[in-house]
């Protein structure tokens, strides 16, 4: 799923399903995105991976839903500021991030992570702890994808052996200086959850088995995490 608002939150939790340990961003039951390059290359998943409960993340459909709710904007300095809520050891850093400027998921370019989640080899002893995650857009990046022609996809993930775990967030270009601040309205949690519920119904997935990620990217509107 795509994320919501000004600082991105990833909730990583550990649960057991069919004797397989999985990690997820959750409201009630854990289920986060597993983003494996080999699955993407083999066509078993799209660029934003898959979840145990919902299967392959449909980037186009979810980007359309996120765009209708209002996309978060990149900071004026080109930064994307996120908060990772680590619930268990495998949610640890370091994280890497990249961006698809045309939101196609076909041409990701590495971002410089300026503030990372602590950890070694995606493991740490931290539990139920918030950590900042800040990534910098490559110089000259302009978001050109999505229904409005103004969306990028930012993808962040760790290197956990059972994962990698992470997610994608759609963002739009930084607001111009001196722009109309009244046009920037944070989408409420109720609106976000309603958008998520509608998306879950379309995908015939029990909403209690999907995670909702409250996210806020600095200085702008809301979006969804995949």
Foldseek 3Di string as FASTA:
>chain_A
DAAWAAAWEFEWDWDADPNDIDIAAADAAGWFFFADPVCCVVVLEPRFHAIPQQGHDDQQVQLQLFVVLPFAEAAPQQKWKYKYFYAFFQQADFKWKWKAQASPSPDTDTWAWPFGGDDDQSGDGDHRDIGMTMTGDPPPRFRQYHPVGFKMKMWMFHRRPSGRGTWIYIHGYHDDPPDDLVVFDERDPVNQVVSVVVVCVVSVTDPNNHHWIHGHTRDGYIGGID
